[in-house]
């Protein structure tokens, strides 16, 4: 513009910029590229872009076994269900269960352990118990799936299934 070139579109990107725009510095910007703004995730919560209530995406997983001697839950969620991003942060957070953390992921299965020093009471998680992971990074997580199940306000009833667009 300073050189006299017409610039009809000025875009900026990133979820943090869209979520918490600066008070100044966006003059002339007429396009936003908000990244994962529509989903959010634990990473965005940690940097202040959103709250836990704003995180709109989960990975549902089922308890499929107990390792009693090791105090671990075996779940049917491996890295192919949620990605390996965020390993140092437990791959995200188990919704409604601060006592649980993802201990590790294999391709098709994962292990959950106690988040603190108190041993895990495995009887609270019988086989078939469904848990939900709030992913560390929803972009990588969502790429692992071919559809999104949209839930009703009760957060249980599936109202719609949206196919995920592939490619650019």
N, C-alpha and C. Protein backbone atom coordinates (compact mmCIF):
# COMPACT_ATOMS: atom_id res chain seq x y z
N UNK A 1 0.83 -1.20 0.00
CA UNK A 1 0.00 0.00 0.00
C UNK A 1 0.86 1.25 0.00
N UNK A 2 1.91 1.22 0.82
CA UNK A 2 2.79 2.38 0.88
C UNK A 2 3.46 2.63 -0.47
N UNK A 3 3.62 1.57 -1.27
CA UNK A 3 4.24 1.70 -2.60
C UNK A 3 3.20 1.96 -3.68
N UNK A 4 1.95 2.14 -3.28
CA UNK A 4 0.91 2.43 -4.24
C UNK A 4 0.25 1.21 -4.83
N UNK A 5 0.53 0.03 -4.30
CA UNK A 5 -0.07 -1.20 -4.78
C UNK A 5 -1.40 -1.41 -4.05
N UNK A 6 -2.45 -1.67 -4.84
CA UNK A 6 -3.75 -1.93 -4.22
C UNK A 6 -3.72 -3.30 -3.55
N UNK A 7 -4.12 -3.35 -2.30
CA UNK A 7 -4.18 -4.60 -1.53
C UNK A 7 -5.61 -4.74 -1.03
N UNK A 8 -6.46 -5.43 -1.84
CA UNK A 8 -7.88 -5.50 -1.48
C UNK A 8 -8.18 -6.41 -0.29
N UNK A 9 -7.31 -7.38 -0.05
CA UNK A 9 -7.56 -8.31 1.05
C UNK A 9 -6.32 -8.37 1.93
N UNK A 10 -6.54 -8.12 3.22
CA UNK A 10 -5.46 -8.26 4.20
C UNK A 10 -5.96 -9.24 5.24
N UNK A 11 -5.30 -10.38 5.32
CA UNK A 11 -5.72 -11.42 6.26
C UNK A 11 -4.69 -11.70 7.31
N UNK A 12 -5.17 -12.07 8.46
CA UNK A 12 -4.29 -12.53 9.55
C UNK A 12 -4.85 -13.87 10.03
N UNK A 13 -4.00 -14.63 10.66
CA UNK A 13 -4.45 -15.94 11.11
C UNK A 13 -4.06 -16.24 12.53
N UNK A 14 -4.57 -17.35 12.97
CA UNK A 14 -4.30 -17.98 14.26
C UNK A 14 -5.50 -17.84 15.18
N UNK A 15 -5.74 -18.90 15.90
CA UNK A 15 -6.84 -18.91 16.86
C UNK A 15 -6.64 -17.88 17.97
N UNK A 16 -5.43 -17.74 18.53
CA UNK A 16 -5.27 -16.73 19.59
C UNK A 16 -5.59 -15.31 19.12
N UNK A 17 -5.19 -14.96 17.89
CA UNK A 17 -5.48 -13.62 17.37
C UNK A 17 -6.97 -13.41 17.22
N UNK A 18 -7.67 -14.43 16.73
CA UNK A 18 -9.12 -14.32 16.54
C UNK A 18 -9.85 -14.29 17.89
N UNK A 19 -9.35 -15.07 18.84
CA UNK A 19 -10.01 -15.18 20.14
C UNK A 19 -9.80 -13.95 21.02
N UNK A 20 -8.61 -13.41 20.96
CA UNK A 20 -8.24 -12.26 21.79
C UNK A 20 -7.56 -11.21 20.91
N UNK A 21 -8.30 -10.56 20.02
CA UNK A 21 -7.66 -9.61 19.11
C UNK A 21 -7.01 -8.47 19.88
N UNK A 22 -5.87 -8.00 19.38
CA UNK A 22 -5.21 -6.87 20.04
C UNK A 22 -6.06 -5.61 19.90
N UNK A 23 -5.87 -4.68 20.82
CA UNK A 23 -6.64 -3.43 20.78
C UNK A 23 -6.28 -2.60 19.56
N UNK A 24 -5.04 -2.71 19.11
CA UNK A 24 -4.66 -2.01 17.88
C UNK A 24 -3.71 -2.90 17.09
N UNK A 25 -3.46 -2.53 15.86
CA UNK A 25 -2.57 -3.32 15.01
C UNK A 25 -3.31 -4.12 13.95
N UNK A 26 -4.64 -4.09 13.98
CA UNK A 26 -5.41 -4.82 12.96
C UNK A 26 -6.11 -3.87 12.00
N UNK A 27 -5.68 -2.60 11.99
CA UNK A 27 -6.28 -1.64 11.07
C UNK A 27 -6.08 -2.14 9.64
N UNK A 28 -7.14 -2.11 8.85
CA UNK A 28 -7.06 -2.53 7.46
C UNK A 28 -7.24 -4.03 7.24
N UNK A 29 -7.25 -4.80 8.31
CA UNK A 29 -7.47 -6.24 8.18
C UNK A 29 -8.95 -6.48 7.87
N UNK A 30 -9.21 -7.22 6.81
CA UNK A 30 -10.60 -7.51 6.47
C UNK A 30 -10.86 -9.01 6.30
N UNK A 31 -9.94 -9.82 6.78
CA UNK A 31 -10.12 -11.27 6.69
C UNK A 31 -9.37 -11.93 7.86
N UNK A 32 -10.05 -12.86 8.53
CA UNK A 32 -9.45 -13.61 9.64
C UNK A 32 -9.37 -15.09 9.25
N UNK A 33 -8.28 -15.72 9.62
CA UNK A 33 -8.09 -17.16 9.41
C UNK A 33 -7.94 -17.77 10.81
N UNK A 34 -9.06 -18.16 11.43
CA UNK A 34 -9.04 -18.47 12.85
C UNK A 34 -8.55 -19.86 13.26
N UNK A 35 -8.04 -20.67 12.37
CA UNK A 35 -7.52 -21.97 12.79
C UNK A 35 -8.61 -22.84 13.39
N UNK A 36 -8.40 -23.29 14.61
CA UNK A 36 -9.36 -24.21 15.24
C UNK A 36 -10.35 -23.48 16.16
N UNK A 37 -10.59 -22.25 15.88
CA UNK A 37 -11.52 -21.42 16.66
C UNK A 37 -12.89 -22.06 16.86
N UNK A 38 -13.36 -22.82 15.87
CA UNK A 38 -14.70 -23.43 15.99
C UNK A 38 -14.71 -24.61 16.95
N UNK A 39 -13.56 -25.21 17.22
CA UNK A 39 -13.48 -26.35 18.13
C UNK A 39 -12.82 -25.99 19.47
N UNK A 40 -11.72 -25.29 19.37
CA UNK A 40 -10.81 -25.07 20.51
C UNK A 40 -10.26 -26.40 21.00
N UNK A 41 -9.40 -26.35 22.00
CA UNK A 41 -8.77 -27.54 22.54
C UNK A 41 -8.03 -27.18 23.82
N UNK A 42 -7.41 -28.16 24.44
CA UNK A 42 -6.70 -27.93 25.71
C UNK A 42 -5.51 -27.00 25.51
N UNK A 43 -4.81 -27.11 24.38
CA UNK A 43 -3.69 -26.21 24.12
C UNK A 43 -4.16 -24.76 24.09
N UNK A 44 -5.28 -24.49 23.40
CA UNK A 44 -5.79 -23.12 23.33
C UNK A 44 -6.26 -22.64 24.70
N UNK A 45 -6.81 -23.54 25.49
CA UNK A 45 -7.21 -23.17 26.85
C UNK A 45 -5.99 -22.78 27.68
N UNK A 46 -4.91 -23.54 27.54
CA UNK A 46 -3.70 -23.27 28.32
C UNK A 46 -3.08 -21.91 27.99
N UNK A 47 -3.24 -21.44 26.74
CA UNK A 47 -2.66 -20.14 26.39
C UNK A 47 -3.67 -19.00 26.51
N UNK A 48 -4.89 -19.30 26.98
CA UNK A 48 -5.85 -18.26 27.28
C UNK A 48 -6.80 -17.87 26.15
N UNK A 49 -6.84 -18.66 25.08
CA UNK A 49 -7.75 -18.35 23.98
C UNK A 49 -9.20 -18.71 24.29
N UNK A 50 -9.39 -19.62 25.25
CA UNK A 50 -10.74 -20.10 25.55
C UNK A 50 -10.79 -20.65 26.97
N UNK A 51 -11.97 -21.07 27.37
CA UNK A 51 -12.14 -21.78 28.64
C UNK A 51 -12.46 -23.24 28.33
N UNK A 52 -12.46 -24.08 29.34
CA UNK A 52 -12.81 -25.48 29.12
C UNK A 52 -14.22 -25.61 28.53
N UNK A 53 -15.14 -24.76 28.97
CA UNK A 53 -16.50 -24.81 28.44
C UNK A 53 -16.57 -24.51 26.95
N UNK A 54 -15.58 -23.81 26.41
CA UNK A 54 -15.56 -23.48 24.98
C UNK A 54 -15.08 -24.64 24.11
N UNK A 55 -14.41 -25.63 24.69
CA UNK A 55 -13.87 -26.74 23.91
C UNK A 55 -15.03 -27.60 23.42
N UNK A 56 -15.18 -27.67 22.09
CA UNK A 56 -16.36 -28.30 21.51
C UNK A 56 -16.11 -29.69 20.94
N UNK A 57 -14.92 -30.22 21.07
CA UNK A 57 -14.62 -31.51 20.44
C UNK A 57 -14.09 -32.48 21.50
N UNK A 58 -14.47 -33.74 21.35
CA UNK A 58 -14.06 -34.81 22.26
C UNK A 58 -13.78 -36.07 21.46
N UNK A 59 -12.99 -36.95 22.04
CA UNK A 59 -12.83 -38.31 21.51
C UNK A 59 -13.48 -39.23 22.53
N UNK A 60 -14.50 -39.96 22.11
CA UNK A 60 -15.14 -40.93 23.01
C UNK A 60 -14.30 -42.20 23.02
N UNK A 61 -14.09 -42.75 24.20
CA UNK A 61 -13.34 -44.00 24.33
C UNK A 61 -14.01 -44.87 25.38
N UNK A 62 -13.81 -46.16 25.24
CA UNK A 62 -14.46 -47.13 26.12
C UNK A 62 -13.40 -47.89 26.90
N UNK A 63 -13.67 -48.14 28.19
CA UNK A 63 -12.78 -48.97 29.00
C UNK A 63 -12.94 -50.41 28.53
N UNK A 64 -11.82 -51.03 28.12
CA UNK A 64 -11.88 -52.40 27.61
C UNK A 64 -11.07 -53.38 28.46
N UNK A 65 -10.41 -52.88 29.49
CA UNK A 65 -9.65 -53.78 30.35
C UNK A 65 -9.09 -53.06 31.56
N UNK A 66 -8.68 -53.85 32.55
CA UNK A 66 -8.04 -53.35 33.77
C UNK A 66 -6.71 -54.06 33.96
N UNK A 67 -5.69 -53.31 34.26
CA UNK A 67 -4.41 -53.88 34.69
C UNK A 67 -4.33 -53.65 36.19
N UNK A 68 -4.89 -54.58 36.94
CA UNK A 68 -5.05 -54.41 38.39
C UNK A 68 -3.70 -54.17 39.08
N UNK A 69 -2.72 -55.00 38.79
CA UNK A 69 -1.42 -54.90 39.47
C UNK A 69 -0.74 -53.56 39.19
N UNK A 70 -0.99 -52.98 38.03
CA UNK A 70 -0.36 -51.71 37.65
C UNK A 70 -1.27 -50.51 37.89
N UNK A 71 -2.56 -50.76 38.23
CA UNK A 71 -3.49 -49.66 38.49
C UNK A 71 -3.82 -48.86 37.24
N UNK A 72 -3.96 -49.55 36.11
CA UNK A 72 -4.20 -48.88 34.84
C UNK A 72 -5.51 -49.33 34.20
N UNK A 73 -6.11 -48.42 33.45
CA UNK A 73 -7.27 -48.74 32.63
C UNK A 73 -6.81 -48.87 31.18
N UNK A 74 -7.28 -49.90 30.49
CA UNK A 74 -7.03 -50.06 29.06
C UNK A 74 -8.25 -49.52 28.33
N UNK A 75 -8.04 -48.63 27.36
CA UNK A 75 -9.13 -48.03 26.60
C UNK A 75 -8.91 -48.25 25.11
N UNK A 76 -10.00 -48.16 24.35
CA UNK A 76 -9.92 -48.39 22.91
C UNK A 76 -9.62 -47.11 22.13
N UNK A 77 -8.74 -46.29 22.66
CA UNK A 77 -8.33 -45.04 22.03
C UNK A 77 -6.81 -45.02 21.97
N UNK A 78 -6.29 -45.20 20.79
CA UNK A 78 -4.86 -45.08 20.59
C UNK A 78 -4.55 -43.78 19.86
N UNK A 79 -3.31 -43.66 19.40
CA UNK A 79 -2.94 -42.43 18.71
C UNK A 79 -3.66 -42.27 17.39
N UNK A 80 -4.21 -43.35 16.82
CA UNK A 80 -4.99 -43.20 15.59
C UNK A 80 -6.35 -42.55 15.88
N UNK A 81 -6.73 -42.47 17.13
CA UNK A 81 -8.00 -41.82 17.49
C UNK A 81 -7.80 -40.37 17.91
N UNK A 82 -6.62 -40.03 18.43
CA UNK A 82 -6.47 -38.67 18.96
C UNK A 82 -5.16 -37.99 18.63
N UNK A 83 -4.25 -38.62 17.95
CA UNK A 83 -2.93 -38.10 17.57
C UNK A 83 -1.96 -38.19 18.76
N UNK A 84 -0.69 -38.06 18.45
CA UNK A 84 0.35 -38.13 19.48
C UNK A 84 0.72 -36.74 20.01
N UNK A 85 0.09 -35.69 19.50
CA UNK A 85 0.44 -34.36 19.97
C UNK A 85 0.00 -34.16 21.42
N UNK A 86 0.80 -33.45 22.16
CA UNK A 86 0.47 -33.13 23.54
C UNK A 86 0.83 -34.21 24.53
N UNK A 87 1.78 -35.07 24.17
CA UNK A 87 2.17 -36.15 25.07
C UNK A 87 2.60 -35.63 26.44
N UNK A 88 3.34 -34.53 26.46
CA UNK A 88 3.83 -33.99 27.74
C UNK A 88 2.69 -33.41 28.58
N UNK A 89 1.51 -33.24 27.97
CA UNK A 89 0.33 -32.70 28.67
C UNK A 89 -0.77 -33.75 28.78
N UNK A 90 -0.40 -35.03 28.73
CA UNK A 90 -1.41 -36.09 28.85
C UNK A 90 -2.32 -36.22 27.65
N UNK A 91 -1.88 -35.70 26.49
CA UNK A 91 -2.65 -35.76 25.24
C UNK A 91 -3.98 -34.99 25.34
N UNK A 92 -4.17 -34.26 26.38
CA UNK A 92 -5.41 -33.53 26.61
C UNK A 92 -5.90 -33.77 28.02
N UNK A 93 -7.21 -33.91 28.15
CA UNK A 93 -7.79 -34.08 29.49
C UNK A 93 -9.02 -34.98 29.37
N UNK A 94 -9.21 -35.87 30.35
CA UNK A 94 -10.41 -36.71 30.38
C UNK A 94 -11.52 -35.88 31.00
N UNK A 95 -12.54 -35.60 30.21
CA UNK A 95 -13.64 -34.73 30.63
C UNK A 95 -14.32 -35.26 31.90
N UNK A 96 -14.42 -34.39 32.90
CA UNK A 96 -15.13 -34.73 34.13
C UNK A 96 -14.40 -35.69 35.05
N UNK A 97 -13.16 -36.02 34.72
CA UNK A 97 -12.39 -36.97 35.54
C UNK A 97 -10.98 -36.45 35.79
N UNK A 98 -10.85 -35.46 36.67
CA UNK A 98 -9.51 -34.92 36.94
C UNK A 98 -8.58 -35.95 37.58
N UNK A 99 -9.15 -37.05 38.07
CA UNK A 99 -8.33 -38.11 38.69
C UNK A 99 -7.66 -39.00 37.65
N UNK A 100 -7.99 -38.82 36.37
CA UNK A 100 -7.43 -39.66 35.30
C UNK A 100 -6.53 -38.85 34.37
N UNK A 101 -5.51 -39.52 33.85
CA UNK A 101 -4.63 -38.93 32.83
C UNK A 101 -4.23 -40.05 31.87
N UNK A 102 -4.02 -39.69 30.61
CA UNK A 102 -3.55 -40.67 29.64
C UNK A 102 -2.08 -40.96 29.94
N UNK A 103 -1.79 -42.23 30.21
CA UNK A 103 -0.42 -42.64 30.53
C UNK A 103 0.38 -42.97 29.29
N UNK A 104 -0.31 -43.38 28.24
CA UNK A 104 0.38 -43.72 27.00
C UNK A 104 -0.60 -44.18 25.94
N UNK A 105 -0.14 -44.09 24.70
CA UNK A 105 -0.97 -44.50 23.57
C UNK A 105 -0.20 -45.44 22.66
N UNK A 106 -0.85 -46.51 22.27
CA UNK A 106 -0.35 -47.36 21.20
C UNK A 106 -1.19 -47.02 19.99
N UNK A 107 -1.04 -47.76 18.91
CA UNK A 107 -1.79 -47.42 17.71
C UNK A 107 -3.29 -47.46 17.92
N UNK A 108 -3.80 -48.53 18.50
CA UNK A 108 -5.25 -48.71 18.62
C UNK A 108 -5.77 -48.68 20.06
N UNK A 109 -4.90 -48.61 21.03
CA UNK A 109 -5.32 -48.66 22.44
C UNK A 109 -4.48 -47.69 23.26
N UNK A 110 -5.03 -47.34 24.42
CA UNK A 110 -4.33 -46.43 25.32
C UNK A 110 -4.46 -46.88 26.75
N UNK A 111 -3.65 -46.28 27.60
CA UNK A 111 -3.67 -46.57 29.03
C UNK A 111 -3.97 -45.29 29.79
N UNK A 112 -4.86 -45.40 30.78
CA UNK A 112 -5.15 -44.29 31.67
C UNK A 112 -4.66 -44.65 33.06
N UNK A 113 -4.14 -43.66 33.77
CA UNK A 113 -3.66 -43.87 35.13
C UNK A 113 -4.17 -42.77 36.02
N UNK A 114 -3.91 -42.92 37.31
CA UNK A 114 -4.27 -41.88 38.28
C UNK A 114 -3.43 -40.64 38.00
N UNK A 115 -4.04 -39.47 38.10
CA UNK A 115 -3.32 -38.23 37.85
C UNK A 115 -2.46 -37.81 39.04
N UNK A 116 -2.73 -38.38 40.21
CA UNK A 116 -1.94 -38.03 41.40
C UNK A 116 -1.35 -39.27 42.03
N UNK A 117 -1.07 -39.17 43.32
CA UNK A 117 -0.44 -40.27 44.04
C UNK A 117 -1.44 -41.29 44.58
N UNK A 118 -2.72 -40.93 44.61
CA UNK A 118 -3.74 -41.85 45.13
C UNK A 118 -3.97 -42.96 44.11
N UNK A 119 -3.89 -44.22 44.55
CA UNK A 119 -4.13 -45.32 43.60
C UNK A 119 -5.53 -45.23 42.98
N UNK A 120 -5.62 -45.63 41.75
CA UNK A 120 -6.87 -45.59 41.01
C UNK A 120 -7.79 -46.73 41.46
N UNK A 121 -9.03 -46.39 41.78
CA UNK A 121 -10.04 -47.40 42.13
C UNK A 121 -10.66 -47.89 40.83
N UNK A 122 -10.16 -48.98 40.30
CA UNK A 122 -10.60 -49.49 39.01
C UNK A 122 -12.07 -49.87 39.01
N UNK A 123 -12.65 -50.17 40.17
CA UNK A 123 -14.06 -50.56 40.22
C UNK A 123 -14.99 -49.41 39.82
N UNK A 124 -14.50 -48.17 39.85
CA UNK A 124 -15.30 -47.02 39.42
C UNK A 124 -15.42 -46.94 37.91
N UNK A 125 -14.65 -47.76 37.21
CA UNK A 125 -14.62 -47.73 35.75
C UNK A 125 -14.81 -49.15 35.20
N UNK A 126 -16.03 -49.70 35.33
CA UNK A 126 -16.26 -51.06 34.84
C UNK A 126 -16.05 -51.15 33.32
N UNK A 127 -15.81 -52.35 32.84
CA UNK A 127 -15.67 -52.54 31.40
C UNK A 127 -16.89 -51.96 30.70
N UNK A 128 -16.66 -51.25 29.61
CA UNK A 128 -17.74 -50.61 28.87
C UNK A 128 -17.96 -49.16 29.23
N UNK A 129 -17.35 -48.67 30.31
CA UNK A 129 -17.50 -47.27 30.70
C UNK A 129 -16.99 -46.38 29.57
N UNK A 130 -17.79 -45.40 29.19
CA UNK A 130 -17.40 -44.46 28.13
C UNK A 130 -16.84 -43.19 28.78
N UNK A 131 -15.65 -42.81 28.34
CA UNK A 131 -14.98 -41.59 28.80
C UNK A 131 -14.74 -40.73 27.57
N UNK A 132 -14.48 -39.44 27.79
CA UNK A 132 -14.24 -38.52 26.67
C UNK A 132 -12.96 -37.73 26.90
N UNK A 133 -12.11 -37.77 25.89
CA UNK A 133 -10.88 -36.99 25.92
C UNK A 133 -11.11 -35.64 25.27
N UNK A 134 -10.77 -34.57 25.98
CA UNK A 134 -10.70 -33.24 25.38
C UNK A 134 -9.30 -33.17 24.80
N UNK A 135 -9.15 -33.12 23.48
CA UNK A 135 -7.82 -33.26 22.89
C UNK A 135 -6.91 -32.08 23.16
N UNK A 136 -5.62 -32.38 23.17
CA UNK A 136 -4.62 -31.33 23.33
C UNK A 136 -4.66 -30.40 22.11
N UNK A 137 -4.72 -30.99 20.92
CA UNK A 137 -4.73 -30.19 19.69
C UNK A 137 -5.82 -30.72 18.78
N UNK A 138 -6.90 -29.97 18.66
CA UNK A 138 -8.07 -30.47 17.93
C UNK A 138 -7.84 -30.57 16.42
N UNK A 139 -6.93 -29.81 15.86
CA UNK A 139 -6.66 -29.92 14.42
C UNK A 139 -6.14 -31.32 14.10
N UNK A 140 -5.13 -31.74 14.83
CA UNK A 140 -4.55 -33.07 14.60
C UNK A 140 -5.55 -34.16 14.96
N UNK A 141 -6.27 -33.96 16.03
CA UNK A 141 -7.27 -34.94 16.46
C UNK A 141 -8.34 -35.13 15.40
N UNK A 142 -8.91 -34.05 14.91
CA UNK A 142 -10.01 -34.12 13.96
C UNK A 142 -9.55 -34.76 12.65
N UNK A 143 -8.32 -34.54 12.27
CA UNK A 143 -7.78 -35.11 11.03
C UNK A 143 -7.78 -36.64 11.08
N UNK A 144 -7.83 -37.21 12.27
CA UNK A 144 -7.82 -38.67 12.43
C UNK A 144 -9.17 -39.30 12.10
N UNK A 145 -10.21 -38.51 11.89
CA UNK A 145 -11.57 -39.03 11.73
C UNK A 145 -12.19 -38.60 10.41
N UNK A 146 -13.25 -39.27 10.00
CA UNK A 146 -13.91 -38.89 8.75
C UNK A 146 -15.23 -38.16 8.98
N UNK A 147 -15.64 -38.03 10.23
CA UNK A 147 -16.88 -37.30 10.53
C UNK A 147 -16.85 -36.77 11.96
N UNK A 148 -17.72 -35.79 12.18
CA UNK A 148 -17.93 -35.20 13.50
C UNK A 148 -19.36 -35.51 13.89
N UNK A 149 -19.56 -36.03 15.08
CA UNK A 149 -20.92 -36.26 15.58
C UNK A 149 -21.33 -35.05 16.41
N UNK A 150 -22.39 -34.41 15.99
CA UNK A 150 -22.89 -33.20 16.66
C UNK A 150 -23.88 -33.64 17.72
N UNK A 151 -23.62 -33.23 18.96
CA UNK A 151 -24.48 -33.63 20.07
C UNK A 151 -25.52 -32.58 20.41
N UNK A 152 -26.63 -33.03 20.95
CA UNK A 152 -27.68 -32.15 21.44
C UNK A 152 -27.21 -31.49 22.74
N UNK A 153 -28.01 -30.61 23.26
CA UNK A 153 -27.66 -29.91 24.50
C UNK A 153 -27.43 -30.85 25.68
N UNK A 154 -28.02 -32.05 25.63
CA UNK A 154 -27.81 -33.00 26.72
C UNK A 154 -26.42 -33.64 26.68
N UNK A 155 -25.66 -33.34 25.63
CA UNK A 155 -24.28 -33.81 25.43
C UNK A 155 -24.17 -35.33 25.31
N UNK A 156 -25.29 -35.98 25.01
CA UNK A 156 -25.33 -37.44 24.84
C UNK A 156 -25.95 -37.84 23.50
N UNK A 157 -27.01 -37.16 23.11
CA UNK A 157 -27.78 -37.52 21.92
C UNK A 157 -27.11 -36.97 20.66
N UNK A 158 -26.82 -37.86 19.70
CA UNK A 158 -26.24 -37.44 18.44
C UNK A 158 -27.36 -36.90 17.55
N UNK A 159 -27.26 -35.63 17.18
CA UNK A 159 -28.26 -34.99 16.33
C UNK A 159 -27.91 -35.09 14.84
N UNK A 160 -26.62 -34.97 14.55
CA UNK A 160 -26.18 -35.00 13.16
C UNK A 160 -24.77 -35.58 13.10
N UNK A 161 -24.39 -36.03 11.91
CA UNK A 161 -23.00 -36.43 11.65
C UNK A 161 -22.54 -35.64 10.43
N UNK A 162 -21.47 -34.86 10.61
CA UNK A 162 -20.94 -34.04 9.53
C UNK A 162 -19.68 -34.70 8.99
N UNK A 163 -19.61 -34.88 7.69
CA UNK A 163 -18.41 -35.43 7.07
C UNK A 163 -17.33 -34.36 7.06
N UNK A 164 -16.11 -34.77 7.34
CA UNK A 164 -14.99 -33.84 7.36
C UNK A 164 -14.42 -33.72 5.95
N UNK A 165 -14.22 -32.49 5.53
CA UNK A 165 -13.67 -32.21 4.21
C UNK A 165 -12.18 -32.58 4.20
N UNK A 166 -11.75 -33.20 3.14
CA UNK A 166 -10.34 -33.58 2.99
C UNK A 166 -9.70 -32.75 1.90
N UNK A 167 -8.46 -32.43 2.10
CA UNK A 167 -7.73 -31.67 1.08
C UNK A 167 -7.88 -30.18 1.27
N UNK A 168 -7.24 -29.45 0.40
CA UNK A 168 -7.26 -27.99 0.49
C UNK A 168 -7.94 -27.49 -0.71
